[in-house]
């Protein structure tokens, strides 16, 4: 079987917010950017020689507005079904993220003031409900959807058989991608400890590359080193009673 090609689709800036086009026997899109991004994603996949009506599936990695904001629009433009985890159905069905956001640091506290992150997106109903590890073979892709909760309760990643991990917001580049190749937390996590556990589970599968929602691809060895430091940081915060997690 031919290798699955991973094509980044910039939604904002060069790397600030990414969607992805996965090219196998049939194309699959991962994530849908902010509200109003559907046509931009549609046009970029067309520029890569893909007929948008050939798209087999649109996978939404989690219920934050910069990842599901244009899901309904992209569904209309391509006709492809949407896939999302059952634990994030609330945001998908309401068009609103769970609030308050829980910042992971200064960048998150700054971004929390951005009213666009608190806006309402067009709601959608996933036709493909994810509850556990799910093969994408029926959608023409040698890959699996992997539940990776922590960033949100319903966060998922996509792992190709070649070892590419499309990781959503499991991990990011520093400062929303402005420092390429440097692992960091994204601006928010609902449960930092659970997210770190999910990241370590994915790294234990020995992916070749981590393709993230914010920034350029990350090297797994650098991500492992960062994860060790993050474990120690979270332990200090927890010991000091300063570790915040969402109580559903």
Protein backbone atom coordinates (compact mmCIF):
# COMPACT_ATOMS: atom_id res chain seq x y z
CA UNK A 1 0.00 0.00 0.00
CA UNK A 2 1.31 3.46 -0.89
CA UNK A 3 2.36 5.85 1.86
CA UNK A 4 -0.24 8.23 3.28
CA UNK A 5 0.77 11.80 2.49
CA UNK A 6 0.17 14.45 5.17
CA UNK A 7 -0.44 17.93 3.74
CA UNK A 8 -0.77 20.89 6.13
CA UNK A 9 -3.56 23.33 5.27
CA UNK A 10 -2.85 26.71 6.90
CA UNK A 11 -6.03 28.31 8.20
CA UNK A 12 -4.47 31.30 9.98
CA UNK A 13 -0.96 32.59 9.34
CA UNK A 14 1.69 30.22 8.01
CA UNK A 15 1.40 27.78 10.91
CA UNK A 16 -0.71 29.45 13.62
CA UNK A 17 -3.79 27.31 12.98
CA UNK A 18 -3.59 24.21 10.80
CA UNK A 19 -6.02 21.79 9.23
CA UNK A 20 -4.64 18.74 7.42
CA UNK A 21 -5.29 16.89 4.18
CA UNK A 22 -4.43 13.18 4.33
CA UNK A 23 -3.96 11.54 0.96
CA UNK A 24 -4.42 7.78 0.73
CA UNK A 25 -6.74 5.78 -1.50
CA UNK A 26 -9.18 8.60 -0.80
CA UNK A 27 -8.58 12.01 0.77
CA UNK A 28 -9.52 12.74 4.40
CA UNK A 29 -9.53 16.17 6.07
CA UNK A 30 -8.58 16.65 9.72
CA UNK A 31 -10.06 19.75 11.41
CA UNK A 32 -12.01 22.66 10.01
CA UNK A 33 -10.46 25.83 11.41
CA UNK A 34 -12.24 28.92 12.67
CA UNK A 35 -15.72 30.04 11.55
CA UNK A 36 -15.60 31.28 7.95
CA UNK A 37 -12.62 29.10 6.97
CA UNK A 38 -14.50 26.48 4.96
CA UNK A 39 -14.03 28.05 1.55
CA UNK A 40 -10.34 28.67 2.24
CA UNK A 41 -9.79 25.01 3.15
CA UNK A 42 -11.86 23.93 0.14
CA UNK A 43 -9.76 26.06 -2.20
CA UNK A 44 -6.46 24.83 -0.74
CA UNK A 45 -7.32 21.16 -1.14
CA UNK A 46 -8.39 21.93 -4.72
CA UNK A 47 -5.00 23.56 -5.29
CA UNK A 48 -3.41 20.26 -4.21
CA UNK A 49 -5.22 18.50 -7.04
CA UNK A 50 -8.02 17.03 -4.93
CA UNK A 51 -11.63 17.17 -6.04
CA UNK A 52 -13.42 18.24 -2.84
CA UNK A 53 -16.32 15.94 -3.65
CA UNK A 54 -13.88 13.00 -3.40
CA UNK A 55 -13.19 13.72 0.30
CA UNK A 56 -14.26 10.63 2.24
CA UNK A 57 -14.39 12.06 5.77
CA UNK A 58 -13.77 15.18 7.84
CA UNK A 59 -12.35 14.34 11.28
CA UNK A 60 -12.71 16.99 13.99
CA UNK A 61 -10.07 16.56 16.68
CA UNK A 62 -11.91 18.39 19.47
CA UNK A 63 -14.53 20.88 20.54
CA UNK A 64 -12.65 24.18 20.34
CA UNK A 65 -13.84 26.79 17.91
CA UNK A 66 -10.51 27.04 16.03
CA UNK A 67 -10.86 23.36 15.10
CA UNK A 68 -14.59 22.85 14.52
CA UNK A 69 -15.59 26.40 13.57
CA UNK A 70 -16.17 25.66 9.86
CA UNK A 71 -17.14 22.00 10.14
CA UNK A 72 -20.73 22.54 8.96
CA UNK A 73 -19.60 24.75 6.07
CA UNK A 74 -16.91 22.30 4.97
CA UNK A 75 -19.46 19.48 5.09
CA UNK A 76 -21.72 21.43 2.72
CA UNK A 77 -18.84 22.26 0.37
CA UNK A 78 -17.55 18.68 0.11
CA UNK A 79 -20.51 16.49 0.99
CA UNK A 80 -18.18 14.46 3.25
CA UNK A 81 -19.48 13.16 6.58
CA UNK A 82 -18.13 14.62 9.81
CA UNK A 83 -16.53 12.51 12.54
CA UNK A 84 -16.24 13.56 16.18
CA UNK A 85 -15.95 11.98 19.61
CA UNK A 86 -19.12 11.55 21.65
CA UNK A 87 -17.58 13.34 24.65
CA UNK A 88 -17.45 16.63 22.70
CA UNK A 89 -20.97 16.41 21.29
CA UNK A 90 -22.05 19.31 23.53
CA UNK A 91 -19.88 21.89 21.75
CA UNK A 92 -20.61 20.40 18.32
CA UNK A 93 -24.37 20.48 18.82
CA UNK A 94 -24.47 23.92 20.43
CA UNK A 95 -21.71 25.61 18.44
CA UNK A 96 -20.21 26.85 21.71
CA UNK A 97 -17.11 25.69 23.52
CA UNK A 98 -17.17 24.64 27.16
CA UNK A 99 -16.39 27.69 29.26
CA UNK A 100 -14.51 29.01 31.00
CA UNK A 101 -11.36 28.20 29.08
CA UNK A 102 -8.62 26.92 31.38
CA UNK A 103 -5.34 28.62 30.37
CA UNK A 104 -2.09 26.69 30.52
CA UNK A 105 -0.03 29.86 30.92
CA UNK A 106 0.31 33.54 29.95
CA UNK A 107 -0.53 32.93 26.26
CA UNK A 108 -3.80 31.30 27.24
CA UNK A 109 -4.70 34.10 29.63
CA UNK A 110 -4.07 36.62 26.86
CA UNK A 111 -6.02 34.67 24.26
CA UNK A 112 -8.96 34.20 26.63
CA UNK A 113 -9.66 37.91 26.11
CA UNK A 114 -10.19 37.36 22.38
CA UNK A 115 -13.94 37.50 21.85
CA UNK A 116 -13.65 35.38 18.69
CA UNK A 117 -12.79 32.39 20.89
CA UNK A 118 -16.06 32.92 22.75
CA UNK A 119 -18.24 33.29 19.65
CA UNK A 120 -20.79 30.75 18.48
CA UNK A 121 -19.97 28.59 15.47
CA UNK A 122 -22.52 26.89 13.26
CA UNK A 123 -23.55 23.67 15.05
CA UNK A 124 -23.24 20.28 13.44
CA UNK A 125 -24.08 16.65 14.14
CA UNK A 126 -21.26 14.16 13.49
CA UNK A 127 -22.43 11.35 11.23
CA UNK A 128 -19.53 9.20 12.48
CA UNK A 129 -19.44 9.02 16.28
CA UNK A 130 -16.10 8.09 17.81
CA UNK A 131 -16.13 6.15 21.07
CA UNK A 132 -12.82 4.29 20.89
CA UNK A 133 -9.99 3.49 18.52
CA UNK A 134 -11.49 3.56 15.01
CA UNK A 135 -9.99 2.31 11.75
CA UNK A 136 -10.20 4.62 8.75
CA UNK A 137 -9.73 1.81 6.26
CA UNK A 138 -13.37 2.06 5.16
CA UNK A 139 -12.69 5.71 4.30
CA UNK A 140 -9.71 4.88 2.10
CA UNK A 141 -6.98 5.70 4.59
CA UNK A 142 -4.43 3.41 6.26
CA UNK A 143 -4.87 5.10 9.63
CA UNK A 144 -6.70 5.02 12.96
CA UNK A 145 -8.57 7.62 14.99
CA UNK A 146 -7.17 7.45 18.53
CA UNK A 147 -9.00 8.95 21.53
CA UNK A 148 -6.56 11.29 23.31
CA UNK A 149 -8.61 13.00 26.05
CA UNK A 150 -7.31 15.76 28.26
CA UNK A 151 -7.19 18.86 26.10
CA UNK A 152 -10.94 18.35 25.96
CA UNK A 153 -12.91 15.29 27.04
CA UNK A 154 -13.47 14.29 23.41
CA UNK A 155 -10.08 15.06 21.91
CA UNK A 156 -8.81 12.61 19.28
CA UNK A 157 -5.70 12.20 17.13
CA UNK A 158 -5.16 10.37 13.85
CA UNK A 159 -2.28 7.89 13.56
CA UNK A 160 -1.37 6.66 10.09
CA UNK A 161 0.11 3.22 9.51
CA UNK A 162 3.28 5.02 8.37
CA UNK A 163 3.66 6.60 11.81
CA UNK A 164 2.45 10.15 11.21
CA UNK A 165 0.44 11.40 14.20
CA UNK A 166 -1.98 14.23 13.47
CA UNK A 167 -2.20 15.33 17.06
CA UNK A 168 -4.66 18.23 17.19
CA UNK A 169 -3.89 20.13 20.40
CA UNK A 170 -2.30 17.23 22.25
CA UNK A 171 0.89 19.32 22.00
CA UNK A 172 1.83 22.49 20.12
CA UNK A 173 4.73 24.65 19.05
CA UNK A 174 5.68 27.39 21.47
CA UNK A 175 3.68 30.65 21.26
CA UNK A 176 1.00 29.25 18.92
CA UNK A 177 3.59 28.12 16.38
CA UNK A 178 5.72 31.24 16.37
CA UNK A 179 8.76 29.25 17.60
CA UNK A 180 8.93 26.31 15.15
CA UNK A 181 9.95 22.91 16.45
CA UNK A 182 9.84 23.82 20.15
CA UNK A 183 7.25 21.68 21.98
CA UNK A 184 4.82 23.46 24.28
CA UNK A 185 1.33 23.34 25.65
CA UNK A 186 -1.44 24.87 23.56
CA UNK A 187 -3.10 27.86 25.26
CA UNK A 188 -5.73 25.76 27.07
CA UNK A 189 -6.25 22.29 28.58
CA UNK A 190 -9.34 20.98 30.37
CA UNK A 191 -7.23 18.39 32.21
CA UNK A 192 -3.43 18.84 31.88
CA UNK A 193 -2.57 15.55 33.62
CA UNK A 194 -4.91 13.52 31.44
CA UNK A 195 -3.61 15.26 28.33
CA UNK A 196 -0.02 14.45 29.29
CA UNK A 197 -1.02 10.81 29.83
CA UNK A 198 -2.60 10.76 26.36
CA UNK A 199 0.52 12.30 24.82
CA UNK A 200 2.75 9.69 26.45
CA UNK A 201 0.46 6.90 25.24
CA UNK A 202 0.80 8.16 21.68
CA UNK A 203 4.58 8.59 21.99
CA UNK A 204 4.81 5.00 23.25
CA UNK A 205 3.50 3.93 19.82
CA UNK A 206 6.69 5.39 18.31
CA UNK A 207 5.26 7.86 15.79
CA UNK A 208 7.71 9.23 13.24
CA UNK A 209 6.36 12.81 13.26
CA UNK A 210 3.82 14.84 15.24
CA UNK A 211 1.67 17.14 13.08
CA UNK A 212 0.02 19.69 15.34
CA UNK A 213 -2.81 22.18 15.19
CA UNK A 214 -0.53 25.10 16.04
CA UNK A 215 2.93 25.17 14.49
CA UNK A 216 5.25 23.05 12.39
CA UNK A 217 5.82 19.27 12.78
CA UNK A 218 7.45 18.16 16.01
CA UNK A 219 10.15 15.56 16.54
CA UNK A 220 8.94 12.74 18.85
CA UNK A 221 12.20 12.68 20.84
CA UNK A 222 11.91 16.39 21.60
CA UNK A 223 8.28 15.81 22.57
CA UNK A 224 9.34 13.01 24.98
CA UNK A 225 11.91 15.27 26.62
CA UNK A 226 9.32 18.01 26.94
CA UNK A 227 6.79 15.56 28.39
CA UNK A 228 9.23 14.61 31.17
CA UNK A 229 9.67 18.28 32.09
CA UNK A 230 5.93 18.85 31.90
CA UNK A 231 5.33 15.94 34.28
CA UNK A 232 7.59 17.57 36.86
CA UNK A 233 5.96 20.99 36.34
CA UNK A 234 2.45 19.60 36.83
CA UNK A 235 3.57 17.75 39.95
CA UNK A 236 4.83 21.02 41.43
CA UNK A 237 1.58 22.81 40.57
CA UNK A 238 -0.49 20.01 42.07
CA UNK A 239 1.58 19.99 45.27
CA UNK A 240 1.00 23.73 45.57
CA UNK A 241 -2.75 23.37 44.98
CA UNK A 242 -2.53 25.39 41.78
CA UNK A 243 -3.47 22.76 39.18
CA UNK A 244 -6.87 23.50 37.68
CA UNK A 245 -8.97 20.94 35.81
CA UNK A 246 -12.49 21.09 34.45
CA UNK A 247 -15.18 19.47 36.53
CA UNK A 248 -17.86 18.23 34.12
